[in-house]
Amino acid sequence: VQLVESGGGSVQPGGSLRLSCAASKDTLNYYHIGWFRQAPGKEREEVSCISSSDDSTYYSDAVKGRFTISRDNAENTVYLQMNSLKPEDTAIYYCKAWVGSHDYWGQGTQVTVSS
């Protein structure tokens, strides 16, 4: 399983970004996909995830109502639409695929929210 994140960058507070997690073929059919983030000096935290089986989703309280996770199985890609960004959203965002005891991580993409 290979995961490649893209779409990070620098935006002002209130702005938007869309992150992409491109997965190797058929990954989305079998693996749950989640977005995690890690800010400097902080532990990595789960932001959002989407189930491989029924498209159910999860959002942390910190991003609920502002972020939306979606997937395109034909493109083998999971997206994270991030709106109303805040400085506290600044972090490296990682994509993770997992099923059972197997998990895989992407290399991460930097998101910086600053005026």
N, C-alpha and C. Protein backbone atom coordinates (compact mmCIF):
# COMPACT_ATOMS: atom_id res chain seq x y z
N VAL A 1 0.85 -1.20 0.00
CA VAL A 1 0.00 0.00 0.00
C VAL A 1 0.88 1.24 0.00
N GLN A 2 0.62 2.12 -0.94
CA GLN A 2 1.34 3.39 -1.00
C GLN A 2 0.35 4.53 -0.91
N LEU A 3 0.73 5.54 -0.14
CA LEU A 3 -0.12 6.70 0.06
C LEU A 3 0.70 7.95 -0.21
N VAL A 4 0.16 8.87 -1.00
CA VAL A 4 0.87 10.11 -1.30
C VAL A 4 -0.08 11.28 -1.06
N GLU A 5 0.29 12.12 -0.09
CA GLU A 5 -0.52 13.30 0.22
C GLU A 5 -0.07 14.49 -0.63
N SER A 6 -1.01 15.36 -0.91
CA SER A 6 -0.72 16.61 -1.60
C SER A 6 -1.79 17.63 -1.24
N GLY A 7 -1.53 18.88 -1.61
CA GLY A 7 -2.53 19.93 -1.40
C GLY A 7 -2.26 20.85 -0.24
N GLY A 8 -1.22 20.57 0.53
CA GLY A 8 -0.90 21.46 1.64
C GLY A 8 -0.38 22.80 1.14
N GLY A 9 -0.24 23.72 2.07
CA GLY A 9 0.26 25.04 1.72
C GLY A 9 0.04 26.02 2.84
N SER A 10 0.19 27.30 2.50
CA SER A 10 0.00 28.38 3.48
C SER A 10 -1.22 29.18 3.12
N VAL A 11 -2.08 29.40 4.10
CA VAL A 11 -3.29 30.19 3.89
C VAL A 11 -3.51 31.10 5.09
N GLN A 12 -4.32 32.11 4.87
CA GLN A 12 -4.69 33.01 5.97
C GLN A 12 -5.85 32.41 6.75
N PRO A 13 -6.00 32.82 7.99
CA PRO A 13 -7.16 32.35 8.78
C PRO A 13 -8.46 32.61 8.03
N GLY A 14 -9.34 31.64 8.08
CA GLY A 14 -10.60 31.72 7.36
C GLY A 14 -10.54 31.14 5.96
N GLY A 15 -9.35 30.83 5.50
CA GLY A 15 -9.19 30.28 4.17
C GLY A 15 -9.49 28.80 4.09
N SER A 16 -9.30 28.24 2.90
CA SER A 16 -9.62 26.84 2.63
C SER A 16 -8.46 26.15 1.91
N LEU A 17 -8.37 24.87 2.12
CA LEU A 17 -7.46 24.00 1.39
C LEU A 17 -8.13 22.66 1.19
N ARG A 18 -7.75 21.97 0.14
CA ARG A 18 -8.22 20.60 -0.06
C ARG A 18 -7.00 19.69 -0.15
N LEU A 19 -6.90 18.77 0.79
CA LEU A 19 -5.83 17.79 0.78
C LEU A 19 -6.28 16.56 0.01
N SER A 20 -5.32 15.93 -0.66
CA SER A 20 -5.58 14.68 -1.39
C SER A 20 -4.65 13.60 -0.88
N CYS A 21 -5.18 12.40 -0.79
CA CYS A 21 -4.39 11.22 -0.43
C CYS A 21 -4.58 10.21 -1.56
N ALA A 22 -3.59 10.10 -2.42
CA ALA A 22 -3.65 9.17 -3.54
C ALA A 22 -3.11 7.83 -3.08
N ALA A 23 -3.93 6.81 -3.22
CA ALA A 23 -3.58 5.47 -2.74
C ALA A 23 -3.31 4.54 -3.91
N SER A 24 -2.58 3.50 -3.64
CA SER A 24 -2.33 2.50 -4.67
C SER A 24 -3.64 1.77 -4.97
N LYS A 25 -3.67 1.15 -6.13
CA LYS A 25 -4.90 0.57 -6.69
C LYS A 25 -5.61 -0.34 -5.70
N ASP A 26 -6.92 -0.17 -5.60
CA ASP A 26 -7.82 -1.01 -4.80
C ASP A 26 -7.68 -0.82 -3.29
N THR A 27 -6.80 0.08 -2.85
CA THR A 27 -6.63 0.27 -1.41
C THR A 27 -7.94 0.68 -0.75
N LEU A 28 -8.66 1.59 -1.39
CA LEU A 28 -9.88 2.11 -0.79
C LEU A 28 -10.98 1.05 -0.67
N ASN A 29 -10.85 -0.03 -1.42
CA ASN A 29 -11.86 -1.09 -1.33
C ASN A 29 -11.72 -1.92 -0.05
N TYR A 30 -10.52 -1.89 0.54
CA TYR A 30 -10.25 -2.79 1.64
C TYR A 30 -9.80 -2.09 2.93
N TYR A 31 -9.30 -0.87 2.80
CA TYR A 31 -8.71 -0.20 3.95
C TYR A 31 -9.54 1.02 4.35
N HIS A 32 -9.68 1.20 5.66
CA HIS A 32 -10.19 2.47 6.15
C HIS A 32 -9.10 3.51 5.92
N ILE A 33 -9.51 4.73 5.66
CA ILE A 33 -8.56 5.81 5.42
C ILE A 33 -8.83 6.93 6.41
N GLY A 34 -7.76 7.42 7.00
CA GLY A 34 -7.91 8.51 7.95
C GLY A 34 -6.88 9.60 7.71
N TRP A 35 -7.24 10.80 8.17
CA TRP A 35 -6.31 11.93 8.18
C TRP A 35 -5.92 12.20 9.64
N PHE A 36 -4.63 12.33 9.85
CA PHE A 36 -4.07 12.66 11.15
C PHE A 36 -3.23 13.91 10.98
N ARG A 37 -2.94 14.58 12.08
CA ARG A 37 -2.07 15.75 12.00
C ARG A 37 -1.17 15.81 13.22
N GLN A 38 -0.04 16.44 13.03
CA GLN A 38 0.91 16.61 14.13
C GLN A 38 1.50 18.01 14.07
N ALA A 39 1.22 18.75 15.11
CA ALA A 39 1.78 20.10 15.25
C ALA A 39 3.09 20.02 16.01
N PRO A 40 3.96 21.00 15.85
CA PRO A 40 5.25 20.98 16.55
C PRO A 40 5.07 20.86 18.05
N GLY A 41 5.78 19.90 18.64
CA GLY A 41 5.73 19.72 20.08
C GLY A 41 4.49 19.02 20.59
N LYS A 42 3.65 18.56 19.68
CA LYS A 42 2.41 17.89 20.09
C LYS A 42 2.36 16.47 19.53
N GLU A 43 1.51 15.66 20.13
CA GLU A 43 1.33 14.30 19.64
C GLU A 43 0.47 14.29 18.38
N ARG A 44 0.65 13.25 17.59
CA ARG A 44 -0.18 13.10 16.40
C ARG A 44 -1.62 12.81 16.83
N GLU A 45 -2.56 13.45 16.17
CA GLU A 45 -3.97 13.26 16.52
C GLU A 45 -4.78 12.94 15.28
N GLU A 46 -5.84 12.17 15.50
CA GLU A 46 -6.73 11.83 14.40
C GLU A 46 -7.66 13.01 14.13
N VAL A 47 -7.82 13.33 12.87
CA VAL A 47 -8.67 14.44 12.46
C VAL A 47 -10.00 13.93 11.90
N SER A 48 -9.89 12.95 11.01
CA SER A 48 -11.09 12.45 10.34
C SER A 48 -10.77 11.11 9.73
N CYS A 49 -11.80 10.29 9.53
CA CYS A 49 -11.59 9.03 8.83
C CYS A 49 -12.86 8.62 8.12
N ILE A 50 -12.70 7.72 7.16
CA ILE A 50 -13.84 7.21 6.39
C ILE A 50 -13.70 5.71 6.25
N SER A 51 -14.80 5.03 6.45
CA SER A 51 -14.80 3.57 6.43
C SER A 51 -14.71 3.03 5.02
N SER A 52 -14.07 1.88 4.88
CA SER A 52 -13.98 1.22 3.58
C SER A 52 -15.29 0.54 3.20
N SER A 53 -16.13 0.24 4.20
CA SER A 53 -17.29 -0.60 3.95
C SER A 53 -18.58 0.17 3.71
N ASP A 54 -18.83 1.21 4.54
CA ASP A 54 -20.14 1.86 4.45
C ASP A 54 -20.06 3.38 4.34
N ASP A 55 -18.86 3.90 4.11
CA ASP A 55 -18.68 5.35 3.96
C ASP A 55 -19.00 6.13 5.22
N SER A 56 -19.10 5.45 6.34
CA SER A 56 -19.32 6.21 7.58
C SER A 56 -18.07 7.03 7.87
N THR A 57 -18.28 8.16 8.51
CA THR A 57 -17.18 9.09 8.73
C THR A 57 -17.07 9.47 10.20
N TYR A 58 -15.90 9.95 10.54
CA TYR A 58 -15.62 10.45 11.89
C TYR A 58 -14.88 11.77 11.77
N TYR A 59 -15.21 12.70 12.66
CA TYR A 59 -14.49 13.96 12.74
C TYR A 59 -14.17 14.26 14.20
N SER A 60 -12.99 14.76 14.44
CA SER A 60 -12.67 15.19 15.80
C SER A 60 -13.48 16.45 16.12
N ASP A 61 -13.67 16.72 17.38
CA ASP A 61 -14.42 17.90 17.78
C ASP A 61 -13.76 19.18 17.27
N ALA A 62 -12.44 19.14 17.14
CA ALA A 62 -11.70 20.34 16.73
C ALA A 62 -12.01 20.76 15.29
N VAL A 63 -12.45 19.82 14.46
CA VAL A 63 -12.65 20.14 13.04
C VAL A 63 -14.08 19.93 12.58
N LYS A 64 -14.92 19.38 13.44
CA LYS A 64 -16.30 19.09 13.06
C LYS A 64 -17.01 20.35 12.59
N GLY A 65 -17.67 20.25 11.45
CA GLY A 65 -18.37 21.40 10.89
C GLY A 65 -17.52 22.24 9.96
N ARG A 66 -16.22 22.01 9.97
CA ARG A 66 -15.31 22.79 9.09
C ARG A 66 -14.63 21.91 8.04
N PHE A 67 -14.35 20.68 8.39
CA PHE A 67 -13.65 19.76 7.48
C PHE A 67 -14.63 18.72 6.96
N THR A 68 -14.39 18.26 5.73
CA THR A 68 -15.20 17.21 5.13
C THR A 68 -14.30 16.21 4.45
N ILE A 69 -14.46 14.94 4.82
CA ILE A 69 -13.70 13.86 4.18
C ILE A 69 -14.57 13.20 3.12
N SER A 70 -13.96 12.83 2.02
CA SER A 70 -14.69 12.14 0.95
C SER A 70 -13.70 11.25 0.21
N ARG A 71 -14.24 10.37 -0.60
CA ARG A 71 -13.34 9.50 -1.36
C ARG A 71 -13.89 9.27 -2.75
N ASP A 72 -12.98 9.01 -3.67
CA ASP A 72 -13.31 8.69 -5.05
C ASP A 72 -12.62 7.36 -5.34
N ASN A 73 -13.38 6.28 -5.27
CA ASN A 73 -12.77 4.96 -5.46
C ASN A 73 -12.18 4.80 -6.86
N ALA A 74 -12.83 5.42 -7.85
CA ALA A 74 -12.33 5.29 -9.22
C ALA A 74 -10.94 5.92 -9.37
N GLU A 75 -10.71 7.00 -8.58
CA GLU A 75 -9.42 7.68 -8.62
C GLU A 75 -8.49 7.20 -7.52
N ASN A 76 -8.97 6.27 -6.68
CA ASN A 76 -8.17 5.77 -5.56
C ASN A 76 -7.65 6.91 -4.68
N THR A 77 -8.51 7.88 -4.44
CA THR A 77 -8.10 9.09 -3.72
C THR A 77 -9.11 9.45 -2.64
N VAL A 78 -8.59 9.86 -1.51
CA VAL A 78 -9.41 10.39 -0.43
C VAL A 78 -9.05 11.87 -0.26
N TYR A 79 -10.09 12.67 -0.07
CA TYR A 79 -9.91 14.11 0.03
C TYR A 79 -10.28 14.59 1.44
N LEU A 80 -9.65 15.67 1.84
CA LEU A 80 -10.04 16.36 3.06
C LEU A 80 -10.22 17.83 2.71
N GLN A 81 -11.46 18.25 2.62
CA GLN A 81 -11.77 19.65 2.37
C GLN A 81 -11.75 20.39 3.69
N MET A 82 -10.90 21.39 3.79
CA MET A 82 -10.73 22.12 5.04
C MET A 82 -11.15 23.58 4.83
N ASN A 83 -12.21 23.98 5.50
CA ASN A 83 -12.72 25.34 5.40
C ASN A 83 -12.57 26.06 6.75
N SER A 84 -12.70 27.35 6.71
CA SER A 84 -12.62 28.18 7.93
C SER A 84 -11.39 27.82 8.75
N LEU A 85 -10.28 27.76 8.09
CA LEU A 85 -9.05 27.34 8.76
C LEU A 85 -8.62 28.32 9.83
N LYS A 86 -8.05 27.75 10.89
CA LYS A 86 -7.60 28.53 12.04
C LYS A 86 -6.10 28.32 12.24
N PRO A 87 -5.43 29.24 12.90
CA PRO A 87 -3.99 29.04 13.15
C PRO A 87 -3.70 27.72 13.87
N GLU A 88 -4.60 27.27 14.71
CA GLU A 88 -4.38 26.01 15.42
C GLU A 88 -4.51 24.78 14.54
N ASP A 89 -4.91 24.97 13.29
CA ASP A 89 -4.93 23.86 12.33
C ASP A 89 -3.55 23.64 11.71
N THR A 90 -2.61 24.52 12.00
CA THR A 90 -1.26 24.38 11.46
C THR A 90 -0.62 23.09 11.96
N ALA A 91 -0.18 22.27 11.01
CA ALA A 91 0.41 20.97 11.34
C ALA A 91 0.86 20.28 10.06
N ILE A 92 1.54 19.18 10.24
CA ILE A 92 1.77 18.26 9.12
C ILE A 92 0.61 17.29 9.12
N TYR A 93 -0.03 17.14 7.98
CA TYR A 93 -1.19 16.27 7.84
C TYR A 93 -0.76 14.97 7.15
N TYR A 94 -1.12 13.87 7.77
CA TYR A 94 -0.76 12.55 7.28
C TYR A 94 -2.01 11.75 6.92
N CYS A 95 -1.87 10.95 5.91
CA CYS A 95 -2.90 10.01 5.51
C CYS A 95 -2.50 8.63 6.03
N LYS A 96 -3.47 7.89 6.52
CA LYS A 96 -3.21 6.53 7.04
C LYS A 96 -4.25 5.58 6.49
N ALA A 97 -3.80 4.40 6.09
CA ALA A 97 -4.70 3.33 5.67
C ALA A 97 -4.53 2.16 6.64
N TRP A 98 -5.64 1.61 7.08
CA TRP A 98 -5.52 0.49 8.02
C TRP A 98 -6.69 -0.48 7.89
N VAL A 99 -6.36 -1.72 8.20
CA VAL A 99 -7.38 -2.76 8.36
C VAL A 99 -6.80 -3.80 9.29
N GLY A 100 -7.54 -4.17 10.33
CA GLY A 100 -7.00 -5.08 11.32
C GLY A 100 -5.74 -4.51 11.93
N SER A 101 -4.70 -5.31 11.95
CA SER A 101 -3.42 -4.88 12.55
C SER A 101 -2.46 -4.29 11.52
N HIS A 102 -2.92 -4.13 10.31
CA HIS A 102 -2.07 -3.60 9.24
C HIS A 102 -2.36 -2.12 9.04
N ASP A 103 -1.31 -1.32 9.05
CA ASP A 103 -1.50 0.09 8.78
C ASP A 103 -0.33 0.65 8.00
N TYR A 104 -0.62 1.68 7.21
CA TYR A 104 0.35 2.31 6.33
C TYR A 104 0.17 3.82 6.41
N TRP A 105 1.28 4.55 6.29
CA TRP A 105 1.25 6.00 6.40
C TRP A 105 1.85 6.65 5.16
N GLY A 106 1.34 7.81 4.84
CA GLY A 106 1.97 8.63 3.81
C GLY A 106 3.08 9.47 4.43
N GLN A 107 3.71 10.30 3.59
CA GLN A 107 4.86 11.08 4.04
C GLN A 107 4.47 12.40 4.68
N GLY A 108 3.22 12.81 4.50
CA GLY A 108 2.73 14.04 5.12
C GLY A 108 2.79 15.24 4.21
N THR A 109 1.93 16.21 4.49
CA THR A 109 1.93 17.48 3.77
C THR A 109 1.70 18.60 4.78
N GLN A 110 2.47 19.68 4.64
CA GLN A 110 2.44 20.77 5.61
C GLN A 110 1.28 21.71 5.33
N VAL A 111 0.54 22.03 6.38
CA VAL A 111 -0.50 23.05 6.31
C VAL A 111 -0.14 24.14 7.32
N THR A 112 -0.07 25.37 6.84
CA THR A 112 0.25 26.50 7.70
C THR A 112 -0.84 27.56 7.56
N VAL A 113 -1.43 27.93 8.70
CA VAL A 113 -2.49 28.94 8.72
C VAL A 113 -1.97 30.12 9.52
N SER A 114 -1.75 31.22 8.83
CA SER A 114 -1.14 32.38 9.48
C SER A 114 -1.50 33.64 8.72
N SER A 115 -1.63 34.72 9.47
CA SER A 115 -1.87 36.01 8.83
C SER A 115 -0.55 36.75 8.60
